[in-house]
Amino acid sequence: MRVSAAAIFISQAWECLRWHTKINNVLLDPQRFGRILEWFYGTSRQEIYTSKMAEGAIVAADNLMGVLCLGAAVATVFISSKFRFWKWFIYLGTGVLCLICLAEFYDKNFRIGQLLEYSARLSAPLFLVTSTRIHNSNHFILLMKIAIGITFIGHGLFAVGYYPQPGHFVDMMIKGFGMQEELAKFLLIGFGVLDFLFAIAIFIPSITKPALFYGIAWGFATALARITTNFHFEFFENSLEQYLHEFMIRTPHFVLPLVLLISGKKVDTTLFQSRGTGE
């Protein structure tokens, strides 16, 4: 959990400081956010957008969010039951994640599935904070199941075509498996259905374990695909620079199922030992 939370914040800091986040699409919308900039700068929207004031606001916002995420990444290393004051840095970083996710939600025309897909990303740092105080609580495990289940549902909504299938989903299938576009789209529907089944199966005790194994494998595969399907050895450094953070920010997609699997084994062992002592 600690590694996953750190990876999320480091990758988000990298995106903020090296590239632009979707915040720029919000700030550059003169009909909506432009009115706020108009009030903040005390001048007309025309002046704001022609003098590049909005671009300056974007750079400043991205830099600030990047620094806050770096602070949160450091906090994930040092937070413990004895040093819980680091949680405030993690809360700030999680607030930044929320803002960026809302900006991407805005950029995707307010599709609820987009927000659902960010459930694991937003909750993983909070689970880390909670784990310094609570271990293997039934409620804690339930919340983790809900978070990862919602993430898979959000992914599945796009895969099955409830929302238009994202072009990069199709491209990853084509590049990853060397198949035709129509077959890639058809298989995406199948994987989307499996996403829904996974979200249900993790709440059924008799099949939770195999479902979690699937979640670990599929979560890792879809995260790694961000690198492997866009990687070019002749541009090794550029490929990592552009796509490594895409993998890192998706680590909760396989780490949360892994944590659930390990937590389940610990609970099973405890129960077994208790029964053995009773006998």
C-alpha atoms as a PDB file:
ATOM      1  CA  MET A   1       0.000   0.000   0.000  1.00  0.00           C
ATOM      2  CA  ARG A   2       2.850   2.349   0.858  1.00  0.00           C
ATOM      3  CA  VAL A   3       4.587   1.720  -2.467  1.00  0.00           C
ATOM      4  CA  SER A   4       1.353   2.210  -4.381  1.00  0.00           C
ATOM      5  CA  ALA A   5       0.525   5.501  -2.651  1.00  0.00           C
ATOM      6  CA  ALA A   6       4.058   6.781  -3.237  1.00  0.00           C
ATOM      7  CA  ALA A   7       3.860   5.775  -6.906  1.00  0.00           C
ATOM      8  CA  ILE A   8       0.577   7.651  -7.316  1.00  0.00           C
ATOM      9  CA  PHE A   9       1.956  10.885  -5.894  1.00  0.00           C
ATOM     10  CA  ILE A  10       5.305  10.668  -7.708  1.00  0.00           C
ATOM     11  CA  SER A  11       3.605  10.031 -11.045  1.00  0.00           C
ATOM     12  CA  GLN A  12       1.123  12.835 -10.491  1.00  0.00           C
ATOM     13  CA  ALA A  13       3.926  15.211  -9.480  1.00  0.00           C
ATOM     14  CA  TRP A  14       5.802  14.267 -12.642  1.00  0.00           C
ATOM     15  CA  GLU A  15       2.749  14.969 -14.784  1.00  0.00           C
ATOM     16  CA  CYS A  16       2.197  18.332 -13.081  1.00  0.00           C
ATOM     17  CA  LEU A  17       5.818  19.495 -13.287  1.00  0.00           C
ATOM     18  CA  ARG A  18       6.818  17.979 -16.636  1.00  0.00           C
ATOM     19  CA  TRP A  19       3.564  17.970 -18.586  1.00  0.00           C
ATOM     20  CA  HIS A  20       0.268  19.804 -18.389  1.00  0.00           C
ATOM     21  CA  THR A  21      -2.642  18.253 -16.485  1.00  0.00           C
ATOM     22  CA  LYS A  22      -6.272  18.510 -17.559  1.00  0.00           C
ATOM     23  CA  ILE A  23      -6.498  21.573 -15.326  1.00  0.00           C
ATOM     24  CA  ASN A  24      -5.450  23.542 -18.406  1.00  0.00           C
ATOM     25  CA  ASN A  25      -8.691  22.592 -20.186  1.00  0.00           C
ATOM     26  CA  VAL A  26     -10.645  24.013 -17.259  1.00  0.00           C
ATOM     27  CA  LEU A  27      -8.661  27.224 -16.963  1.00  0.00           C
ATOM     28  CA  LEU A  28      -8.689  27.794 -20.719  1.00  0.00           C
ATOM     29  CA  ASP A  29     -12.487  27.615 -20.933  1.00  0.00           C
ATOM     30  CA  PRO A  30     -13.499  31.295 -21.199  1.00  0.00           C
ATOM     31  CA  GLN A  31     -17.202  30.558 -20.819  1.00  0.00           C
ATOM     32  CA  ARG A  32     -16.862  28.843 -17.448  1.00  0.00           C
ATOM     33  CA  PHE A  33     -13.642  29.311 -15.544  1.00  0.00           C
ATOM     34  CA  GLY A  34     -12.864  32.462 -17.479  1.00  0.00           C
ATOM     35  CA  ARG A  35     -15.356  34.328 -15.329  1.00  0.00           C
ATOM     36  CA  ILE A  36     -13.420  33.386 -12.193  1.00  0.00           C
ATOM     37  CA  LEU A  37     -10.161  34.574 -13.761  1.00  0.00           C
ATOM     38  CA  GLU A  38     -11.942  37.760 -14.790  1.00  0.00           C
ATOM     39  CA  TRP A  39     -12.850  38.383 -11.149  1.00  0.00           C
ATOM     40  CA  PHE A  40      -9.419  37.336  -9.840  1.00  0.00           C
ATOM     41  CA  TYR A  41      -7.393  39.539 -12.193  1.00  0.00           C
ATOM     42  CA  GLY A  42      -9.919  42.387 -12.218  1.00  0.00           C
ATOM     43  CA  THR A  43      -9.874  42.670 -15.984  1.00  0.00           C
ATOM     44  CA  SER A  44     -11.839  41.449 -19.003  1.00  0.00           C
ATOM     45  CA  ARG A  45     -11.757  37.888 -20.274  1.00  0.00           C
ATOM     46  CA  GLN A  46     -10.508  39.117 -23.622  1.00  0.00           C
ATOM     47  CA  GLU A  47      -7.512  40.729 -21.938  1.00  0.00           C
ATOM     48  CA  ILE A  48      -6.871  37.600 -19.869  1.00  0.00           C
ATOM     49  CA  TYR A  49      -6.774  35.221 -22.818  1.00  0.00           C
ATOM     50  CA  THR A  50      -4.979  37.490 -25.269  1.00  0.00           C
ATOM     51  CA  SER A  51      -2.239  38.434 -22.786  1.00  0.00           C
ATOM     52  CA  LYS A  52      -1.658  34.792 -21.774  1.00  0.00           C
ATOM     53  CA  MET A  53      -2.648  35.426 -18.152  1.00  0.00           C
ATOM     54  CA  ALA A  54      -4.584  32.144 -18.254  1.00  0.00           C
ATOM     55  CA  GLU A  55      -1.481  30.242 -19.387  1.00  0.00           C
ATOM     56  CA  GLY A  56       0.436  31.761 -16.493  1.00  0.00           C
ATOM     57  CA  ALA A  57      -2.284  30.606 -14.110  1.00  0.00           C
ATOM     58  CA  ILE A  58      -2.033  27.091 -15.559  1.00  0.00           C
ATOM     59  CA  VAL A  59       1.740  26.888 -15.065  1.00  0.00           C
ATOM     60  CA  ALA A  60       1.443  28.228 -11.525  1.00  0.00           C
ATOM     61  CA  ALA A  61      -1.365  25.787 -10.673  1.00  0.00           C
ATOM     62  CA  ASP A  62       0.499  22.795 -12.122  1.00  0.00           C
ATOM     63  CA  ASN A  63       3.724  23.701 -10.307  1.00  0.00           C
ATOM     64  CA  LEU A  64       1.949  24.149  -6.981  1.00  0.00           C
ATOM     65  CA  MET A  65       0.110  20.842  -7.346  1.00  0.00           C
ATOM     66  CA  GLY A  66       3.336  19.106  -8.337  1.00  0.00           C
ATOM     67  CA  VAL A  67       5.124  20.333  -5.212  1.00  0.00           C
ATOM     68  CA  LEU A  68       2.213  19.265  -2.996  1.00  0.00           C
ATOM     69  CA  CYS A  69       2.268  15.797  -4.567  1.00  0.00           C
ATOM     70  CA  LEU A  70       6.015  15.496  -3.977  1.00  0.00           C
ATOM     71  CA  GLY A  71       5.438  16.374  -0.332  1.00  0.00           C
ATOM     72  CA  ALA A  72       2.733  13.716  -0.148  1.00  0.00           C
ATOM     73  CA  ALA A  73       5.081  11.152  -1.738  1.00  0.00           C
ATOM     74  CA  VAL A  74       7.673  11.843   0.969  1.00  0.00           C
ATOM     75  CA  ALA A  75       4.950  11.502   3.607  1.00  0.00           C
ATOM     76  CA  THR A  76       4.041   8.009   2.382  1.00  0.00           C
ATOM     77  CA  VAL A  77       7.570   6.871   3.250  1.00  0.00           C
ATOM     78  CA  PHE A  78       7.595   8.172   6.809  1.00  0.00           C
ATOM     79  CA  ILE A  79       4.004   7.876   7.997  1.00  0.00           C
ATOM     80  CA  SER A  80       3.497   5.267  10.712  1.00  0.00           C
ATOM     81  CA  SER A  81       1.495   4.720  13.870  1.00  0.00           C
ATOM     82  CA  LYS A  82       4.096   6.829  15.720  1.00  0.00           C
ATOM     83  CA  PHE A  83       4.402   9.563  13.095  1.00  0.00           C
ATOM     84  CA  ARG A  84       0.835  10.106  11.960  1.00  0.00           C
ATOM     85  CA  PHE A  85       1.305  13.874  11.519  1.00  0.00           C
ATOM     86  CA  TRP A  86       2.530  13.018   8.003  1.00  0.00           C
ATOM     87  CA  LYS A  87      -1.098  12.256   7.197  1.00  0.00           C
ATOM     88  CA  TRP A  88      -1.753  15.971   6.629  1.00  0.00           C
ATOM     89  CA  PHE A  89       0.669  15.999   3.697  1.00  0.00           C
ATOM     90  CA  ILE A  90      -1.092  12.944   2.286  1.00  0.00           C
ATOM     91  CA  TYR A  91      -4.463  14.632   2.703  1.00  0.00           C
ATOM     92  CA  LEU A  92      -3.178  17.665   0.785  1.00  0.00           C
ATOM     93  CA  GLY A  93      -1.831  15.423  -1.963  1.00  0.00           C
ATOM     94  CA  THR A  94      -5.123  13.548  -2.133  1.00  0.00           C
ATOM     95  CA  GLY A  95      -6.898  16.892  -2.466  1.00  0.00           C
ATOM     96  CA  VAL A  96      -4.715  17.619  -5.495  1.00  0.00           C
ATOM     97  CA  LEU A  97      -5.600  14.213  -6.955  1.00  0.00           C
ATOM     98  CA  CYS A  98      -9.283  15.041  -6.487  1.00  0.00           C
ATOM     99  CA  LEU A  99      -8.906  18.363  -8.312  1.00  0.00           C
ATOM    100  CA  ILE A 100      -7.120  16.727 -11.238  1.00  0.00           C
ATOM    101  CA  CYS A 101      -9.675  13.910 -11.410  1.00  0.00           C
ATOM    102  CA  LEU A 102     -12.489  16.468 -11.447  1.00  0.00           C
ATOM    103  CA  ALA A 103     -10.691  18.316 -14.244  1.00  0.00           C
ATOM    104  CA  GLU A 104     -10.465  15.083 -16.246  1.00  0.00           C
ATOM    105  CA  PHE A 105     -14.139  14.434 -15.483  1.00  0.00           C
ATOM    106  CA  TYR A 106     -14.837  17.902 -16.903  1.00  0.00           C
ATOM    107  CA  ASP A 107     -12.672  17.142 -19.950  1.00  0.00           C
ATOM    108  CA  LYS A 108     -14.590  13.893 -20.596  1.00  0.00           C
ATOM    109  CA  ASN A 109     -17.945  15.688 -20.747  1.00  0.00           C
ATOM    110  CA  PHE A 110     -18.958  14.775 -17.193  1.00  0.00           C
ATOM    111  CA  ARG A 111     -19.146  11.024 -17.726  1.00  0.00           C
ATOM    112  CA  ILE A 112     -19.693   9.341 -14.364  1.00  0.00           C
ATOM    113  CA  GLY A 113     -17.691   6.312 -15.498  1.00  0.00           C
ATOM    114  CA  GLN A 114     -14.597   8.499 -15.578  1.00  0.00           C
ATOM    115  CA  LEU A 115     -15.002   9.352 -11.899  1.00  0.00           C
ATOM    116  CA  LEU A 116     -15.670   5.722 -10.992  1.00  0.00           C
ATOM    117  CA  GLU A 117     -12.416   4.690 -12.641  1.00  0.00           C
ATOM    118  CA  TYR A 118     -10.479   6.977 -10.288  1.00  0.00           C
ATOM    119  CA  SER A 119     -11.852   5.344  -7.141  1.00  0.00           C
ATOM    120  CA  ALA A 120      -8.771   3.214  -6.391  1.00  0.00           C
ATOM    121  CA  ARG A 121      -6.376   6.036  -7.229  1.00  0.00           C
ATOM    122  CA  LEU A 122      -8.052   8.449  -4.837  1.00  0.00           C
ATOM    123  CA  SER A 123      -8.639   5.983  -2.026  1.00  0.00           C
ATOM    124  CA  ALA A 124      -5.249   4.200  -1.915  1.00  0.00           C
ATOM    125  CA  PRO A 125      -3.455   7.066  -0.086  1.00  0.00           C
ATOM    126  CA  LEU A 126      -6.329   7.275   2.394  1.00  0.00           C
ATOM    127  CA  PHE A 127      -6.136   3.516   2.964  1.00  0.00           C
ATOM    128  CA  LEU A 128      -2.438   3.939   3.755  1.00  0.00           C
ATOM    129  CA  VAL A 129      -3.263   6.550   6.396  1.00  0.00           C
ATOM    130  CA  THR A 130      -5.989   4.323   7.832  1.00  0.00           C
ATOM    131  CA  SER A 131      -3.680   1.287   7.899  1.00  0.00           C
ATOM    132  CA  THR A 132      -1.408   3.063  10.394  1.00  0.00           C
ATOM    133  CA  ARG A 133      -4.287   2.942  12.855  1.00  0.00           C
ATOM    134  CA  ILE A 134      -6.407  -0.048  11.796  1.00  0.00           C
ATOM    135  CA  HIS A 135      -5.248  -3.462  10.558  1.00  0.00           C
ATOM    136  CA  ASN A 136      -7.463  -6.003   8.774  1.00  0.00           C
ATOM    137  CA  SER A 137     -10.705  -4.550  10.107  1.00  0.00           C
ATOM    138  CA  ASN A 138     -13.755  -5.984   8.350  1.00  0.00           C
ATOM    139  CA  HIS A 139     -14.907  -2.463   7.512  1.00  0.00           C
ATOM    140  CA  PHE A 140     -11.453  -1.580   6.193  1.00  0.00           C
ATOM    141  CA  ILE A 141     -11.395  -4.622   3.924  1.00  0.00           C
ATOM    142  CA  LEU A 142     -14.955  -3.896   2.781  1.00  0.00           C
ATOM    143  CA  LEU A 143     -14.011  -0.330   1.814  1.00  0.00           C
ATOM    144  CA  MET A 144     -11.040  -1.597  -0.190  1.00  0.00           C
ATOM    145  CA  LYS A 145     -13.295  -4.041  -2.020  1.00  0.00           C
ATOM    146  CA  ILE A 146     -15.759  -1.267  -2.804  1.00  0.00           C
ATOM    147  CA  ALA A 147     -12.985   1.018  -4.074  1.00  0.00           C
ATOM    148  CA  ILE A 148     -11.413  -1.520  -6.424  1.00  0.00           C
ATOM    149  CA  GLY A 149     -14.820  -2.818  -7.507  1.00  0.00           C
ATOM    150  CA  ILE A 150     -15.966   0.679  -8.472  1.00  0.00           C
ATOM    151  CA  THR A 151     -12.728   1.206 -10.413  1.00  0.00           C
ATOM    152  CA  PHE A 152     -13.284  -1.950 -12.457  1.00  0.00           C
ATOM    153  CA  ILE A 153     -16.909  -0.959 -13.078  1.00  0.00           C
ATOM    154  CA  GLY A 154     -15.788   2.432 -14.379  1.00  0.00           C
ATOM    155  CA  HIS A 155     -13.264   0.748 -16.670  1.00  0.00           C
ATOM    156  CA  GLY A 156     -15.889  -1.740 -17.796  1.00  0.00           C
ATOM    157  CA  LEU A 157     -18.391   0.963 -18.760  1.00  0.00           C
ATOM    158  CA  PHE A 158     -15.937   2.280 -21.331  1.00  0.00           C
ATOM    159  CA  ALA A 159     -14.804  -1.176 -22.471  1.00  0.00           C
ATOM    160  CA  VAL A 160     -18.309  -2.509 -23.205  1.00  0.00           C
ATOM    161  CA  GLY A 161     -19.243   0.641 -25.089  1.00  0.00           C
ATOM    162  CA  TYR A 162     -21.711   2.170 -22.647  1.00  0.00           C
ATOM    163  CA  TYR A 163     -19.592   5.227 -23.311  1.00  0.00           C
ATOM    164  CA  PRO A 164     -17.745   5.418 -26.640  1.00  0.00           C
ATOM    165  CA  GLN A 165     -14.845   2.977 -26.515  1.00  0.00           C
ATOM    166  CA  PRO A 166     -11.694   5.093 -26.009  1.00  0.00           C
ATOM    167  CA  GLY A 167      -9.385   5.028 -28.988  1.00  0.00           C
ATOM    168  CA  HIS A 168      -6.365   4.296 -26.799  1.00  0.00           C
ATOM    169  CA  PHE A 169      -8.140   1.197 -25.412  1.00  0.00           C
ATOM    170  CA  VAL A 170      -8.531  -0.114 -28.947  1.00  0.00           C
ATOM    171  CA  ASP A 171      -4.971   0.872 -29.888  1.00  0.00           C
ATOM    172  CA  MET A 172      -3.540  -0.994 -26.890  1.00  0.00           C
ATOM    173  CA  MET A 173      -5.430  -4.131 -27.904  1.00  0.00           C
ATOM    174  CA  ILE A 174      -4.222  -3.840 -31.508  1.00  0.00           C
ATOM    175  CA  LYS A 175      -0.594  -3.184 -30.549  1.00  0.00           C
ATOM    176  CA  GLY A 176      -0.556  -5.613 -27.640  1.00  0.00           C
ATOM    177  CA  PHE A 177      -2.128  -8.590 -29.407  1.00  0.00           C
ATOM    178  CA  GLY A 178      -1.556  -7.752 -33.074  1.00  0.00           C
ATOM    179  CA  MET A 179      -5.228  -8.012 -33.996  1.00  0.00           C
ATOM    180  CA  GLN A 180      -7.614  -6.200 -36.298  1.00  0.00           C
ATOM    181  CA  GLU A 181      -9.624  -3.233 -35.041  1.00  0.00           C
ATOM    182  CA  GLU A 182     -13.014  -4.961 -35.135  1.00  0.00           C
ATOM    183  CA  LEU A 183     -11.750  -7.941 -33.152  1.00  0.00           C
ATOM    184  CA  ALA A 184     -10.095  -5.590 -30.654  1.00  0.00           C
ATOM    185  CA  LYS A 185     -13.394  -3.769 -30.094  1.00  0.00           C
ATOM    186  CA  PHE A 186     -15.254  -7.069 -29.694  1.00  0.00           C
ATOM    187  CA  LEU A 187     -12.759  -8.430 -27.155  1.00  0.00           C
ATOM    188  CA  LEU A 188     -12.901  -5.159 -25.233  1.00  0.00           C
ATOM    189  CA  ILE A 189     -16.593  -5.805 -24.691  1.00  0.00           C
ATOM    190  CA  GLY A 190     -15.723  -9.219 -23.255  1.00  0.00           C
ATOM    191  CA  PHE A 191     -13.109  -7.742 -20.933  1.00  0.00           C
ATOM    192  CA  GLY A 192     -15.626  -5.107 -19.868  1.00  0.00           C
ATOM    193  CA  VAL A 193     -18.080  -7.835 -18.883  1.00  0.00           C
ATOM    194  CA  LEU A 194     -15.298  -9.517 -16.890  1.00  0.00           C
ATOM    195  CA  ASP A 195     -14.706  -6.205 -15.121  1.00  0.00           C
ATOM    196  CA  PHE A 196     -18.340  -6.212 -13.976  1.00  0.00           C
ATOM    197  CA  LEU A 197     -18.148  -9.857 -12.905  1.00  0.00           C
ATOM    198  CA  PHE A 198     -14.978  -9.148 -10.915  1.00  0.00           C
ATOM    199  CA  ALA A 199     -16.700  -6.287  -9.087  1.00  0.00           C
ATOM    200  CA  ILE A 200     -19.418  -8.729  -8.014  1.00  0.00           C
ATOM    201  CA  ALA A 201     -17.223 -11.780  -7.362  1.00  0.00           C
ATOM    202  CA  ILE A 202     -14.991 -10.101  -4.765  1.00  0.00           C
ATOM    203  CA  PHE A 203     -18.032  -9.874  -2.476  1.00  0.00           C
ATOM    204  CA  ILE A 204     -18.842 -13.599  -2.778  1.00  0.00           C
ATOM    205  CA  PRO A 205     -16.669 -15.462  -0.219  1.00  0.00           C
ATOM    206  CA  SER A 206     -16.492 -18.750  -2.134  1.00  0.00           C
ATOM    207  CA  ILE A 207     -14.968 -17.119  -5.232  1.00  0.00           C
ATOM    208  CA  THR A 208     -13.241 -14.074  -3.746  1.00  0.00           C
ATOM    209  CA  LYS A 209      -9.741 -15.555  -3.965  1.00  0.00           C
ATOM    210  CA  PRO A 210      -9.771 -16.496  -7.678  1.00  0.00           C
ATOM    211  CA  ALA A 211     -11.441 -13.169  -8.445  1.00  0.00           C
ATOM    212  CA  LEU A 212      -8.630 -11.328  -6.673  1.00  0.00           C
ATOM    213  CA  PHE A 213      -6.020 -13.295  -8.626  1.00  0.00           C
ATOM    214  CA  TYR A 214      -7.770 -12.167 -11.798  1.00  0.00           C
ATOM    215  CA  GLY A 215      -7.882  -8.571 -10.546  1.00  0.00           C
ATOM    216  CA  ILE A 216      -4.149  -8.601  -9.799  1.00  0.00           C
ATOM    217  CA  ALA A 217      -3.284 -10.007 -13.230  1.00  0.00           C
ATOM    218  CA  TRP A 218      -5.658  -7.811 -15.220  1.00  0.00           C
ATOM    219  CA  GLY A 219      -4.900  -4.675 -13.208  1.00  0.00           C
ATOM    220  CA  PHE A 220      -1.165  -5.179 -13.740  1.00  0.00           C
ATOM    221  CA  ALA A 221      -1.596  -5.981 -17.435  1.00  0.00           C
ATOM    222  CA  THR A 222      -3.705  -2.907 -18.186  1.00  0.00           C
ATOM    223  CA  ALA A 223      -1.308  -0.667 -16.246  1.00  0.00           C
ATOM    224  CA  LEU A 224       1.796  -2.126 -17.915  1.00  0.00           C
ATOM    225  CA  ALA A 225       0.163  -1.822 -21.338  1.00  0.00           C
ATOM    226  CA  ARG A 226       0.526   1.954 -21.038  1.00  0.00           C
ATOM    227  CA  ILE A 227       4.273   1.403 -21.395  1.00  0.00           C
ATOM    228  CA  THR A 228       4.584  -1.703 -23.560  1.00  0.00           C
ATOM    229  CA  THR A 229       2.179  -0.573 -26.293  1.00  0.00           C
ATOM    230  CA  ASN A 230       3.816   2.836 -26.580  1.00  0.00           C
ATOM    231  CA  PHE A 231       7.449   1.874 -26.021  1.00  0.00           C
ATOM    232  CA  HIS A 232      10.122   2.365 -28.676  1.00  0.00           C
ATOM    233  CA  PHE A 233      13.658   1.161 -27.943  1.00  0.00           C
ATOM    234  CA  GLU A 234      15.160   3.745 -30.266  1.00  0.00           C
ATOM    235  CA  PHE A 235      13.531   6.396 -28.063  1.00  0.00           C
ATOM    236  CA  PHE A 236      14.075   4.617 -24.754  1.00  0.00           C
ATOM    237  CA  GLU A 237      14.303   7.663 -22.496  1.00  0.00           C
ATOM    238  CA  ASN A 238      11.492   9.521 -24.223  1.00  0.00           C
ATOM    239  CA  SER A 239       9.213   6.496 -23.956  1.00  0.00           C
ATOM    240  CA  LEU A 240       9.790   6.196 -20.211  1.00  0.00           C
ATOM    241  CA  GLU A 241       9.482   9.948 -19.771  1.00  0.00           C
ATOM    242  CA  GLN A 242       6.064   9.986 -21.395  1.00  0.00           C
ATOM    243  CA  TYR A 243       4.517   6.723 -20.239  1.00  0.00           C
ATOM    244  CA  LEU A 244       6.150   5.429 -17.034  1.00  0.00           C
ATOM    245  CA  HIS A 245       3.969   7.703 -14.911  1.00  0.00           C
ATOM    246  CA  GLU A 246       0.893   6.279 -16.677  1.00  0.00           C
ATOM    247  CA  PHE A 247       1.826   2.874 -15.268  1.00  0.00           C
ATOM    248  CA  MET A 248       2.724   4.172 -11.815  1.00  0.00           C
ATOM    249  CA  ILE A 249      -0.527   6.038 -11.276  1.00  0.00           C
ATOM    250  CA  ARG A 250      -2.438   2.818 -12.002  1.00  0.00           C
ATOM    251  CA  THR A 251      -0.574   0.672  -9.471  1.00  0.00           C
ATOM    252  CA  PRO A 252      -3.620   0.601  -7.122  1.00  0.00           C
ATOM    253  CA  HIS A 253      -5.486  -1.366  -9.802  1.00  0.00           C
ATOM    254  CA  PHE A 254      -3.396  -4.433  -8.948  1.00  0.00           C
ATOM    255  CA  VAL A 255      -2.008  -3.500  -5.525  1.00  0.00           C
ATOM    256  CA  LEU A 256      -5.427  -3.202  -3.860  1.00  0.00           C
ATOM    257  CA  PRO A 257      -6.471  -6.718  -4.994  1.00  0.00           C
ATOM    258  CA  LEU A 258      -3.060  -7.963  -3.800  1.00  0.00           C
ATOM    259  CA  VAL A 259      -3.532  -6.339  -0.386  1.00  0.00           C
ATOM    260  CA  LEU A 260      -7.011  -7.852  -0.165  1.00  0.00           C
ATOM    261  CA  LEU A 261      -5.629 -11.284  -1.031  1.00  0.00           C
ATOM    262  CA  ILE A 262      -2.902 -11.028   1.619  1.00  0.00           C
ATOM    263  CA  SER A 263      -5.351  -9.653   4.191  1.00  0.00           C
ATOM    264  CA  GLY A 264      -7.703 -12.551   3.493  1.00  0.00           C
ATOM    265  CA  LYS A 265      -4.916 -15.071   4.090  1.00  0.00           C
ATOM    266  CA  LYS A 266      -4.039 -13.423   7.391  1.00  0.00           C
ATOM    267  CA  VAL A 267      -7.647 -13.544   8.487  1.00  0.00           C
ATOM    268  CA  ASP A 268      -7.945 -17.199   7.442  1.00  0.00           C
ATOM    269  CA  THR A 269      -4.754 -18.063   9.354  1.00  0.00           C
ATOM    270  CA  THR A 270      -5.969 -16.295  12.474  1.00  0.00           C
ATOM    271  CA  LEU A 271      -9.269 -18.138  12.367  1.00  0.00           C
ATOM    272  CA  PHE A 272      -7.509 -21.469  11.841  1.00  0.00           C
ATOM    273  CA  GLN A 273      -5.170 -20.861  14.763  1.00  0.00           C
ATOM    274  CA  SER A 274      -8.075 -19.832  16.988  1.00  0.00           C
ATOM    275  CA  ARG A 275      -9.922 -23.038  16.205  1.00  0.00           C
ATOM    276  CA  GLY A 276      -6.799 -25.059  16.838  1.00  0.00           C
ATOM    277  CA  THR A 277      -6.318 -23.430  20.231  1.00  0.00           C
ATOM    278  CA  GLY A 278      -9.945 -24.096  21.126  1.00  0.00           C
ATOM    279  CA  GLU A 279      -9.551 -27.780  20.414  1.00  0.00           C
END
